[in-house]
Amino acid sequence: MKNLIWFFLLSLSTEIFAQDKIDIEVQSGHLLPITTMEINPDGTRLVTSSADKKIILWDLNSNLQVNSWSLDMGTYVGVVEGLDFNQAGNILAASSKWAVAFIDVSNGKFISTYILPEGREGGQVQLSATENIAYLITNTAVMSSGARYSELIILDIKTGSEIKKWN
């Protein structure tokens, strides 16, 4: 077995040194563990989020990082807990405990951000297949009993504002 390993290393080093130029590309990904990921509808891009409050968009054909965004907006953003692409794959929603950010992945710019009111905690976000709206499930603590109840909030992607909510 030892001879086989040496043969492999020798043949690999011979191949590397026979090349005129060695291309080494170092990619920095997340600094902390990945918390969630999502593949775009056509299967060409992967988006990952981490406890480092960073979102990274990867090209699955080249395995290269396409773009990254930091969701560190002070005390409002925690770890990203939910990601969702719209059906066209050009808009990404990222939800944390206290905020939802909408990103245009085609140009890399933030579209809008929704900060949850105090006392509400965000959860999963889902983008509509046909409209520029998003559905957000929140949990709210009731102080007197300690019980929790959920709300469904419809958000306008372009403005980041509430359209309607149910609890």
Foldseek 3Di string as FASTA:
>chain_A
DVVVVVVVVVVVVVVQVVDPDDDDDDDDDDPADWQDKDAAQVRQWIWTWGQQQKIWIAGPVVRHTDDMDHPCPDPQFGGFHEWEAENVRQWIWTFGQFKIWIAGNVVGHTQEMAGHPPQKTWHYKYADNPAQKIWTKIWGADPPVRDIDIKIFIARRNYRDTPDMDD
